[in-house]
Amino acid sequence: MEIEFVKMEGLGNDFVLIDDRAGNIGSYRPYPELAQMLCSRHFGIGADGIILILDSQDHDSKFRIYNSDGSEAEMCGNGMRCFAKLLYEKKMISKKRFRVDTKAGTVIPEILLDDKGQVQSVRVDVGEPILLCRDIPFESPNEKALDELLTVGGREYRITAVSMGNPHAVIFVDSYDTLDLETEGRAIETHERFPEKINVEFVQVLSRTELNMKVWERGAGVTLACGTGACAVLVAAHLTGRTEDRALIHLPGGDLDIHWDKATNHVFKTGPATLVFEGRVKI
């Protein structure tokens, strides 16, 4: 079977997007297997994950994402921006603001156009942060985990646990000089206190409105950016008194503007999405 695909990236977090609204692709090859095949950077297209455009009965569209290891994620902020831009530019949807069904619930992206009518960026209403340990999930004696001690392989970390529909462990550091992102990220991701594993962010606070962030993504490893991770970082930083409720977050792949709107308790993320190339591939 040969299928069409679109390769896109959001701050270097890259995805293969596939239109399977008819359901033919999923019935031909299981999505986890398809993700592993297409995401291989040596034997496939190469990506951090695949994103499926699916039909929805009660939303404008349905979004599903599988990591490069074949595991399914609940949501992906960078992936959602790519998804929204593609739907709008390919005229699969005409509205600039629309409702998307994800495994993390309803997510609402908004297309922001420049003065020439081109997609300049995408603002995503990621929804309300989840802070209760039992819902993240994180095994803890406390209701919420704010700078909570976590011992991993003899090392101690202070983590703040937040879910943005997918789980995150935010760790604030003074510098990255001694950080072994791959080793430490993997060890924390698979720690027994995270029964569904965890995304891990290591964060430097530059000011009340500016942060640096490096990420180890559950199921994908080291990536250049993580949109839901940036949202979790802003929430964690504000909850622990380190920043205001809005900040510019610098990731290895670029910058995201994150705002936690206290009036609605929703987190908004604004950033770019870029088409890399389109093609056809045999599966």
C-alpha atoms as a PDB file:
ATOM      1  CA  MET A   1       0.000   0.000   0.000  1.00  0.00           C
ATOM      2  CA  GLU A   2       1.284   3.487  -0.845  1.00  0.00           C
ATOM      3  CA  ILE A   3       0.152   6.510   1.143  1.00  0.00           C
ATOM      4  CA  GLU A   4       0.633  10.275   1.051  1.00  0.00           C
ATOM      5  CA  PHE A   5       2.272  12.036   3.995  1.00  0.00           C
ATOM      6  CA  VAL A   6       3.380  15.488   5.102  1.00  0.00           C
ATOM      7  CA  LYS A   7       6.531  16.064   7.157  1.00  0.00           C
ATOM      8  CA  MET A   8       6.285  19.068   9.508  1.00  0.00           C
ATOM      9  CA  GLU A   9       8.161  20.454  12.475  1.00  0.00           C
ATOM     10  CA  GLY A  10       7.434  22.740  15.387  1.00  0.00           C
ATOM     11  CA  LEU A  11      10.684  24.120  16.845  1.00  0.00           C
ATOM     12  CA  GLY A  12      12.540  21.038  15.597  1.00  0.00           C
ATOM     13  CA  ASN A  13      10.032  18.608  17.126  1.00  0.00           C
ATOM     14  CA  ASP A  14       9.205  16.757  13.895  1.00  0.00           C
ATOM     15  CA  PHE A  15       6.246  14.673  12.787  1.00  0.00           C
ATOM     16  CA  VAL A  16       4.858  12.676   9.904  1.00  0.00           C
ATOM     17  CA  LEU A  17       1.227  13.692   9.383  1.00  0.00           C
ATOM     18  CA  ILE A  18      -1.158  11.293   7.674  1.00  0.00           C
ATOM     19  CA  ASP A  19      -4.770  11.791   6.629  1.00  0.00           C
ATOM     20  CA  ASP A  20      -6.658   8.624   7.588  1.00  0.00           C
ATOM     21  CA  ARG A  21     -10.173  10.015   7.825  1.00  0.00           C
ATOM     22  CA  ALA A  22     -11.346   7.110   5.680  1.00  0.00           C
ATOM     23  CA  GLY A  23      -9.735   4.572   8.052  1.00  0.00           C
ATOM     24  CA  ASN A  24      -8.034   2.593   5.289  1.00  0.00           C
ATOM     25  CA  ILE A  25      -4.485   3.041   6.547  1.00  0.00           C
ATOM     26  CA  GLY A  26      -5.161   1.941  10.124  1.00  0.00           C
ATOM     27  CA  SER A  27      -7.006  -1.140   8.937  1.00  0.00           C
ATOM     28  CA  TYR A  28      -4.085  -2.058   6.666  1.00  0.00           C
ATOM     29  CA  ARG A  29      -1.262  -1.558   9.204  1.00  0.00           C
ATOM     30  CA  PRO A  30      -1.588  -0.914  12.964  1.00  0.00           C
ATOM     31  CA  TYR A  31      -0.628   2.632  13.914  1.00  0.00           C
ATOM     32  CA  PRO A  32       2.050   1.623  16.490  1.00  0.00           C
ATOM     33  CA  GLU A  33       3.805  -0.480  13.858  1.00  0.00           C
ATOM     34  CA  LEU A  34       3.422   2.291  11.285  1.00  0.00           C
ATOM     35  CA  ALA A  35       4.970   4.822  13.689  1.00  0.00           C
ATOM     36  CA  GLN A  36       8.033   2.686  14.316  1.00  0.00           C
ATOM     37  CA  MET A  37       8.539   2.144  10.597  1.00  0.00           C
ATOM     38  CA  LEU A  38       8.024   5.725   9.404  1.00  0.00           C
ATOM     39  CA  CYS A  39       9.839   7.440  12.287  1.00  0.00           C
ATOM     40  CA  SER A  40      13.090   5.515  11.797  1.00  0.00           C
ATOM     41  CA  ARG A  41      15.723   8.066  10.833  1.00  0.00           C
ATOM     42  CA  HIS A  42      17.748   5.443   8.978  1.00  0.00           C
ATOM     43  CA  PHE A  43      15.107   3.207   7.383  1.00  0.00           C
ATOM     44  CA  GLY A  44      12.067   5.502   7.233  1.00  0.00           C
ATOM     45  CA  ILE A  45      11.107   9.146   6.843  1.00  0.00           C
ATOM     46  CA  GLY A  46      12.431  10.081  10.266  1.00  0.00           C
ATOM     47  CA  ALA A  47      10.407  11.824  12.981  1.00  0.00           C
ATOM     48  CA  ASP A  48       9.653  12.036  16.687  1.00  0.00           C
ATOM     49  CA  GLY A  49       6.187  10.656  16.005  1.00  0.00           C
ATOM     50  CA  ILE A  50       3.313  10.244  13.563  1.00  0.00           C
ATOM     51  CA  ILE A  51       0.107  12.275  13.755  1.00  0.00           C
ATOM     52  CA  LEU A  52      -3.162  10.940  12.363  1.00  0.00           C
ATOM     53  CA  ILE A  53      -5.875  13.203  10.979  1.00  0.00           C
ATOM     54  CA  LEU A  54      -9.064  11.286  11.744  1.00  0.00           C
ATOM     55  CA  ASP A  55     -12.782  11.817  11.332  1.00  0.00           C
ATOM     56  CA  SER A  56     -14.787  13.011  14.340  1.00  0.00           C
ATOM     57  CA  GLN A  57     -18.544  12.970  14.939  1.00  0.00           C
ATOM     58  CA  ASP A  58     -18.669  15.690  17.602  1.00  0.00           C
ATOM     59  CA  HIS A  59     -15.531  17.791  16.976  1.00  0.00           C
ATOM     60  CA  ASP A  60     -14.150  19.561  13.926  1.00  0.00           C
ATOM     61  CA  SER A  61     -11.379  16.959  13.679  1.00  0.00           C
ATOM     62  CA  LYS A  62      -9.689  14.155  15.612  1.00  0.00           C
ATOM     63  CA  PHE A  63      -5.967  14.108  16.488  1.00  0.00           C
ATOM     64  CA  ARG A  64      -4.047  10.987  17.459  1.00  0.00           C
ATOM     65  CA  ILE A  65      -0.280  10.754  17.953  1.00  0.00           C
ATOM     66  CA  TYR A  66       2.120   7.807  18.227  1.00  0.00           C
ATOM     67  CA  ASN A  67       5.718   8.230  19.368  1.00  0.00           C
ATOM     68  CA  SER A  68       8.679   6.862  17.456  1.00  0.00           C
ATOM     69  CA  ASP A  69       8.727   3.772  19.707  1.00  0.00           C
ATOM     70  CA  GLY A  70       5.101   2.989  18.811  1.00  0.00           C
ATOM     71  CA  SER A  71       3.581   4.128  22.104  1.00  0.00           C
ATOM     72  CA  GLU A  72       0.541   6.387  21.958  1.00  0.00           C
ATOM     73  CA  ALA A  73       0.673   9.812  23.607  1.00  0.00           C
ATOM     74  CA  GLU A  74      -2.352  11.704  24.864  1.00  0.00           C
ATOM     75  CA  MET A  75      -1.417  15.031  23.288  1.00  0.00           C
ATOM     76  CA  CYS A  76       1.472  17.010  21.826  1.00  0.00           C
ATOM     77  CA  GLY A  77       1.610  20.794  21.768  1.00  0.00           C
ATOM     78  CA  ASN A  78       4.097  21.156  18.925  1.00  0.00           C
ATOM     79  CA  GLY A  79       2.285  18.456  16.992  1.00  0.00           C
ATOM     80  CA  MET A  80      -1.053  20.219  17.475  1.00  0.00           C
ATOM     81  CA  ARG A  81       0.301  23.411  15.906  1.00  0.00           C
ATOM     82  CA  CYS A  82       1.483  21.425  12.877  1.00  0.00           C
ATOM     83  CA  PHE A  83      -1.853  19.608  12.723  1.00  0.00           C
ATOM     84  CA  ALA A  84      -3.862  22.851  12.858  1.00  0.00           C
ATOM     85  CA  LYS A  85      -1.754  24.616  10.248  1.00  0.00           C
ATOM     86  CA  LEU A  86      -2.014  21.670   7.860  1.00  0.00           C
ATOM     87  CA  LEU A  87      -5.800  21.409   8.225  1.00  0.00           C
ATOM     88  CA  TYR A  88      -6.209  25.117   7.547  1.00  0.00           C
ATOM     89  CA  GLU A  89      -3.761  25.397   4.659  1.00  0.00           C
ATOM     90  CA  LYS A  90      -5.040  22.231   2.959  1.00  0.00           C
ATOM     91  CA  LYS A  91      -8.587  23.588   3.351  1.00  0.00           C
ATOM     92  CA  MET A  92      -9.702  20.548   5.355  1.00  0.00           C
ATOM     93  CA  ILE A  93     -11.181  23.151   7.672  1.00  0.00           C
ATOM     94  CA  SER A  94     -12.129  26.771   7.028  1.00  0.00           C
ATOM     95  CA  LYS A  95     -12.451  28.121  10.564  1.00  0.00           C
ATOM     96  CA  LYS A  96      -9.453  29.838  12.191  1.00  0.00           C
ATOM     97  CA  ARG A  97     -10.456  28.523  15.623  1.00  0.00           C
ATOM     98  CA  PHE A  98     -11.754  24.988  15.953  1.00  0.00           C
ATOM     99  CA  ARG A  99     -12.286  22.062  18.310  1.00  0.00           C
ATOM    100  CA  VAL A 100     -10.035  19.006  18.126  1.00  0.00           C
ATOM    101  CA  ASP A 101     -10.673  15.647  19.782  1.00  0.00           C
ATOM    102  CA  THR A 102      -7.508  14.348  21.491  1.00  0.00           C
ATOM    103  CA  LYS A 103      -6.919  11.607  24.050  1.00  0.00           C
ATOM    104  CA  ALA A 104      -6.333  14.429  26.538  1.00  0.00           C
ATOM    105  CA  GLY A 105      -9.773  15.891  25.795  1.00  0.00           C
ATOM    106  CA  THR A 106     -10.854  18.832  23.645  1.00  0.00           C
ATOM    107  CA  VAL A 107      -8.036  21.107  22.467  1.00  0.00           C
ATOM    108  CA  ILE A 108      -8.729  24.383  20.656  1.00  0.00           C
ATOM    109  CA  PRO A 109      -6.089  25.723  18.248  1.00  0.00           C
ATOM    110  CA  GLU A 110      -6.388  29.198  16.722  1.00  0.00           C
ATOM    111  CA  ILE A 111      -4.743  30.139  13.429  1.00  0.00           C
ATOM    112  CA  LEU A 112      -2.943  33.519  13.503  1.00  0.00           C
ATOM    113  CA  LEU A 113      -2.446  35.084  10.053  1.00  0.00           C
ATOM    114  CA  ASP A 114       0.031  37.714   8.897  1.00  0.00           C
ATOM    115  CA  ASP A 115      -0.930  40.785   6.823  1.00  0.00           C
ATOM    116  CA  LYS A 116      -0.701  38.667   3.656  1.00  0.00           C
ATOM    117  CA  GLY A 117      -3.143  36.081   4.931  1.00  0.00           C
ATOM    118  CA  GLN A 118      -0.471  33.449   5.529  1.00  0.00           C
ATOM    119  CA  VAL A 119      -0.295  31.342   8.698  1.00  0.00           C
ATOM    120  CA  GLN A 120       2.149  33.184  10.937  1.00  0.00           C
ATOM    121  CA  SER A 121       1.751  31.065  14.065  1.00  0.00           C
ATOM    122  CA  VAL A 122      -0.750  28.933  15.936  1.00  0.00           C
ATOM    123  CA  ARG A 123      -2.120  29.668  19.400  1.00  0.00           C
ATOM    124  CA  VAL A 124      -3.332  26.582  21.208  1.00  0.00           C
ATOM    125  CA  ASP A 125      -5.685  26.496  24.169  1.00  0.00           C
ATOM    126  CA  VAL A 126      -4.150  23.468  25.882  1.00  0.00           C
ATOM    127  CA  GLY A 127      -6.754  23.484  28.643  1.00  0.00           C
ATOM    128  CA  GLU A 128      -6.447  23.337  32.412  1.00  0.00           C
ATOM    129  CA  PRO A 129      -3.341  21.967  34.119  1.00  0.00           C
ATOM    130  CA  ILE A 130      -3.834  18.843  36.217  1.00  0.00           C
ATOM    131  CA  LEU A 131      -2.047  19.102  39.551  1.00  0.00           C
ATOM    132  CA  LEU A 132      -3.354  16.258  41.721  1.00  0.00           C
ATOM    133  CA  CYS A 133      -0.754  13.507  41.999  1.00  0.00           C
ATOM    134  CA  ARG A 134      -3.316  10.747  41.637  1.00  0.00           C
ATOM    135  CA  ASP A 135      -4.444  12.167  38.280  1.00  0.00           C
ATOM    136  CA  ILE A 136      -1.009  12.787  36.763  1.00  0.00           C
ATOM    137  CA  PRO A 137      -0.276   9.983  37.886  1.00  0.00           C
ATOM    138  CA  PHE A 138       2.573  10.271  40.408  1.00  0.00           C
ATOM    139  CA  GLU A 139       2.784   8.076  43.484  1.00  0.00           C
ATOM    140  CA  SER A 140       3.151  10.500  46.381  1.00  0.00           C
ATOM    141  CA  PRO A 141       1.896  10.907  49.955  1.00  0.00           C
ATOM    142  CA  ASN A 142       1.010  14.496  49.048  1.00  0.00           C
ATOM    143  CA  GLU A 143      -2.024  15.772  47.172  1.00  0.00           C
ATOM    144  CA  LYS A 144       0.215  17.896  44.927  1.00  0.00           C
ATOM    145  CA  ALA A 145       3.935  17.605  44.201  1.00  0.00           C
ATOM    146  CA  LEU A 146       5.690  20.984  44.359  1.00  0.00           C
ATOM    147  CA  ASP A 147       9.483  20.707  44.523  1.00  0.00           C
ATOM    148  CA  GLU A 148       9.006  17.218  45.953  1.00  0.00           C
ATOM    149  CA  LEU A 149      12.038  15.044  46.636  1.00  0.00           C
ATOM    150  CA  LEU A 150      12.579  12.186  44.190  1.00  0.00           C
ATOM    151  CA  THR A 151      15.548   9.826  44.543  1.00  0.00           C
ATOM    152  CA  VAL A 152      16.694   8.190  41.316  1.00  0.00           C
ATOM    153  CA  GLY A 153      19.740   5.932  41.214  1.00  0.00           C
ATOM    154  CA  GLY A 154      21.225   7.500  44.305  1.00  0.00           C
ATOM    155  CA  ARG A 155      20.677  11.064  43.064  1.00  0.00           C
ATOM    156  CA  GLU A 156      18.150  13.467  44.535  1.00  0.00           C
ATOM    157  CA  TYR A 157      15.900  15.712  42.459  1.00  0.00           C
ATOM    158  CA  ARG A 158      13.213  18.218  43.374  1.00  0.00           C
ATOM    159  CA  ILE A 159      10.332  17.698  40.974  1.00  0.00           C
ATOM    160  CA  THR A 160       7.073  19.508  40.376  1.00  0.00           C
ATOM    161  CA  ALA A 161       4.527  17.203  38.765  1.00  0.00           C
ATOM    162  CA  VAL A 162       2.046  18.624  36.251  1.00  0.00           C
ATOM    163  CA  SER A 163      -0.146  17.042  33.613  1.00  0.00           C
ATOM    164  CA  MET A 164      -1.289  18.894  30.520  1.00  0.00           C
ATOM    165  CA  GLY A 165      -3.240  15.830  29.437  1.00  0.00           C
ATOM    166  CA  ASN A 166       0.109  14.033  29.467  1.00  0.00           C
ATOM    167  CA  PRO A 167       2.405  13.802  32.501  1.00  0.00           C
ATOM    168  CA  HIS A 168       5.452  15.990  33.184  1.00  0.00           C
ATOM    169  CA  ALA A 169       8.132  16.145  35.870  1.00  0.00           C
ATOM    170  CA  VAL A 170       9.641  19.637  35.997  1.00  0.00           C
ATOM    171  CA  ILE A 171      13.068  20.003  37.591  1.00  0.00           C
ATOM    172  CA  PHE A 172      14.668  23.407  38.154  1.00  0.00           C
ATOM    173  CA  VAL A 173      18.461  23.560  37.813  1.00  0.00           C
ATOM    174  CA  ASP A 174      21.067  26.289  38.214  1.00  0.00           C
ATOM    175  CA  SER A 175      22.968  25.221  35.087  1.00  0.00           C
ATOM    176  CA  TYR A 176      23.234  22.447  32.506  1.00  0.00           C
ATOM    177  CA  ASP A 177      26.985  21.965  33.016  1.00  0.00           C
ATOM    178  CA  THR A 178      26.692  18.584  34.737  1.00  0.00           C
ATOM    179  CA  LEU A 179      23.402  17.450  33.176  1.00  0.00           C
ATOM    180  CA  ASP A 180      23.438  14.141  31.293  1.00  0.00           C
ATOM    181  CA  LEU A 181      20.048  14.608  29.662  1.00  0.00           C
ATOM    182  CA  GLU A 182      19.807  11.178  28.078  1.00  0.00           C
ATOM    183  CA  THR A 183      20.895   9.159  31.112  1.00  0.00           C
ATOM    184  CA  GLU A 184      19.004  11.194  33.708  1.00  0.00           C
ATOM    185  CA  GLY A 185      15.937  11.694  31.527  1.00  0.00           C
ATOM    186  CA  ARG A 186      15.553   7.982  30.842  1.00  0.00           C
ATOM    187  CA  ALA A 187      16.057   7.068  34.506  1.00  0.00           C
ATOM    188  CA  ILE A 188      13.405   9.536  35.688  1.00  0.00           C
ATOM    189  CA  GLU A 189      10.964   8.641  32.888  1.00  0.00           C
ATOM    190  CA  THR A 190      10.904   5.009  33.952  1.00  0.00           C
ATOM    191  CA  HIS A 191      10.982   5.552  37.723  1.00  0.00           C
ATOM    192  CA  GLU A 192       8.516   3.342  39.585  1.00  0.00           C
ATOM    193  CA  ARG A 193       6.703   6.332  41.092  1.00  0.00           C
ATOM    194  CA  PHE A 194       5.468   7.221  37.586  1.00  0.00           C
ATOM    195  CA  PRO A 195       3.214   4.265  36.702  1.00  0.00           C
ATOM    196  CA  GLU A 196       2.554   5.596  33.181  1.00  0.00           C
ATOM    197  CA  LYS A 197       6.105   6.944  32.757  1.00  0.00           C
ATOM    198  CA  ILE A 198       6.787  10.681  32.519  1.00  0.00           C
ATOM    199  CA  ASN A 199       8.112  13.488  30.344  1.00  0.00           C
ATOM    200  CA  VAL A 200      11.046  15.216  32.026  1.00  0.00           C
ATOM    201  CA  GLU A 201      11.954  18.916  31.777  1.00  0.00           C
ATOM    202  CA  PHE A 202      15.132  20.477  33.170  1.00  0.00           C
ATOM    203  CA  VAL A 203      14.648  24.232  33.547  1.00  0.00           C
ATOM    204  CA  GLN A 204      16.815  27.299  34.153  1.00  0.00           C
ATOM    205  CA  VAL A 205      15.062  30.433  35.399  1.00  0.00           C
ATOM    206  CA  LEU A 206      16.499  33.482  33.637  1.00  0.00           C
ATOM    207  CA  SER A 207      14.010  36.033  34.964  1.00  0.00           C
ATOM    208  CA  ARG A 208      10.404  36.383  36.086  1.00  0.00           C
ATOM    209  CA  THR A 209       9.342  36.192  32.419  1.00  0.00           C
ATOM    210  CA  GLU A 210      12.009  34.060  30.736  1.00  0.00           C
ATOM    211  CA  LEU A 211      13.100  30.423  31.062  1.00  0.00           C
ATOM    212  CA  ASN A 212      15.431  27.917  29.413  1.00  0.00           C
ATOM    213  CA  MET A 213      14.214  24.334  29.012  1.00  0.00           C
ATOM    214  CA  LYS A 214      15.611  20.981  27.923  1.00  0.00           C
ATOM    215  CA  VAL A 215      13.361  17.964  27.557  1.00  0.00           C
ATOM    216  CA  TRP A 216      13.391  14.187  27.606  1.00  0.00           C
ATOM    217  CA  GLU A 217      10.122  13.005  26.054  1.00  0.00           C
ATOM    218  CA  ARG A 218       8.402   9.829  27.119  1.00  0.00           C
ATOM    219  CA  GLY A 219       8.577   7.398  24.209  1.00  0.00           C
ATOM    220  CA  ALA A 220      10.759   9.652  22.024  1.00  0.00           C
ATOM    221  CA  GLY A 221      13.872  10.546  24.035  1.00  0.00           C
ATOM    222  CA  VAL A 222      15.748  13.827  23.636  1.00  0.00           C
ATOM    223  CA  THR A 223      13.799  16.221  21.408  1.00  0.00           C
ATOM    224  CA  LEU A 224      14.363  19.832  20.386  1.00  0.00           C
ATOM    225  CA  ALA A 225      11.040  20.987  21.817  1.00  0.00           C
ATOM    226  CA  CYS A 226       7.917  19.889  23.676  1.00  0.00           C
ATOM    227  CA  GLY A 227       4.867  22.144  23.629  1.00  0.00           C
ATOM    228  CA  THR A 228       2.913  20.559  26.470  1.00  0.00           C
ATOM    229  CA  GLY A 229       6.211  20.394  28.368  1.00  0.00           C
ATOM    230  CA  ALA A 230       6.657  24.154  27.980  1.00  0.00           C
ATOM    231  CA  CYS A 231       3.134  24.639  29.340  1.00  0.00           C
ATOM    232  CA  ALA A 232       3.893  22.384  32.303  1.00  0.00           C
ATOM    233  CA  VAL A 233       7.128  24.301  32.928  1.00  0.00           C
ATOM    234  CA  LEU A 234       5.315  27.650  33.076  1.00  0.00           C
ATOM    235  CA  VAL A 235       2.695  26.231  35.453  1.00  0.00           C
ATOM    236  CA  ALA A 236       5.377  24.697  37.691  1.00  0.00           C
ATOM    237  CA  ALA A 237       7.473  27.863  37.698  1.00  0.00           C
ATOM    238  CA  HIS A 238       4.498  30.054  38.597  1.00  0.00           C
ATOM    239  CA  LEU A 239       3.188  27.676  41.268  1.00  0.00           C
ATOM    240  CA  THR A 240       6.597  27.622  42.968  1.00  0.00           C
ATOM    241  CA  GLY A 241       6.939  31.420  42.859  1.00  0.00           C
ATOM    242  CA  ARG A 242       9.685  31.552  40.253  1.00  0.00           C
ATOM    243  CA  THR A 243       7.871  33.421  37.450  1.00  0.00           C
ATOM    244  CA  GLU A 244       4.795  35.393  36.510  1.00  0.00           C
ATOM    245  CA  ASP A 245       1.849  33.685  34.815  1.00  0.00           C
ATOM    246  CA  ARG A 246       3.301  34.429  31.366  1.00  0.00           C
ATOM    247  CA  ALA A 247       6.817  33.734  30.104  1.00  0.00           C
ATOM    248  CA  LEU A 248       8.944  33.234  27.014  1.00  0.00           C
ATOM    249  CA  ILE A 249      10.417  29.751  27.076  1.00  0.00           C
ATOM    250  CA  HIS A 250      13.605  29.037  25.149  1.00  0.00           C
ATOM    251  CA  LEU A 251      13.914  25.458  23.864  1.00  0.00           C
ATOM    252  CA  PRO A 252      16.771  24.040  21.765  1.00  0.00           C
ATOM    253  CA  GLY A 253      14.523  24.302  18.674  1.00  0.00           C
ATOM    254  CA  GLY A 254      13.215  27.827  19.320  1.00  0.00           C
ATOM    255  CA  ASP A 255      10.907  29.871  21.534  1.00  0.00           C
ATOM    256  CA  LEU A 256       7.331  29.502  22.780  1.00  0.00           C
ATOM    257  CA  ASP A 257       5.144  32.113  24.429  1.00  0.00           C
ATOM    258  CA  ILE A 258       3.178  30.510  27.284  1.00  0.00           C
ATOM    259  CA  HIS A 259       0.367  32.147  29.239  1.00  0.00           C
ATOM    260  CA  TRP A 260      -1.585  30.669  32.139  1.00  0.00           C
ATOM    261  CA  ASP A 261      -4.843  32.635  32.112  1.00  0.00           C
ATOM    262  CA  LYS A 262      -5.985  32.607  35.705  1.00  0.00           C
ATOM    263  CA  ALA A 263      -9.497  33.815  34.792  1.00  0.00           C
ATOM    264  CA  THR A 264     -10.208  30.611  32.850  1.00  0.00           C
ATOM    265  CA  ASN A 265      -7.450  28.426  34.373  1.00  0.00           C
ATOM    266  CA  HIS A 266      -6.470  27.529  30.804  1.00  0.00           C
ATOM    267  CA  VAL A 267      -2.918  27.501  29.468  1.00  0.00           C
ATOM    268  CA  PHE A 268      -2.269  29.066  26.046  1.00  0.00           C
ATOM    269  CA  LYS A 269       0.741  28.299  23.888  1.00  0.00           C
ATOM    270  CA  THR A 270       1.794  30.318  20.839  1.00  0.00           C
ATOM    271  CA  GLY A 271       4.510  29.331  18.381  1.00  0.00           C
ATOM    272  CA  PRO A 272       5.405  28.391  14.802  1.00  0.00           C
ATOM    273  CA  ALA A 273       4.758  25.302  12.689  1.00  0.00           C
ATOM    274  CA  THR A 274       6.666  24.609   9.473  1.00  0.00           C
ATOM    275  CA  LEU A 275       6.127  22.375   6.462  1.00  0.00           C
ATOM    276  CA  VAL A 276       9.297  20.419   5.685  1.00  0.00           C
ATOM    277  CA  PHE A 277       8.244  18.309   2.703  1.00  0.00           C
ATOM    278  CA  GLU A 278       5.456  16.163   1.274  1.00  0.00           C
ATOM    279  CA  GLY A 279       5.656  12.766  -0.384  1.00  0.00           C
ATOM    280  CA  ARG A 280       4.427   9.238  -0.834  1.00  0.00           C
ATOM    281  CA  VAL A 281       5.707   6.135   0.937  1.00  0.00           C
ATOM    282  CA  LYS A 282       5.042   2.404   0.712  1.00  0.00           C
ATOM    283  CA  ILE A 283       3.848   0.800   3.920  1.00  0.00           C
END
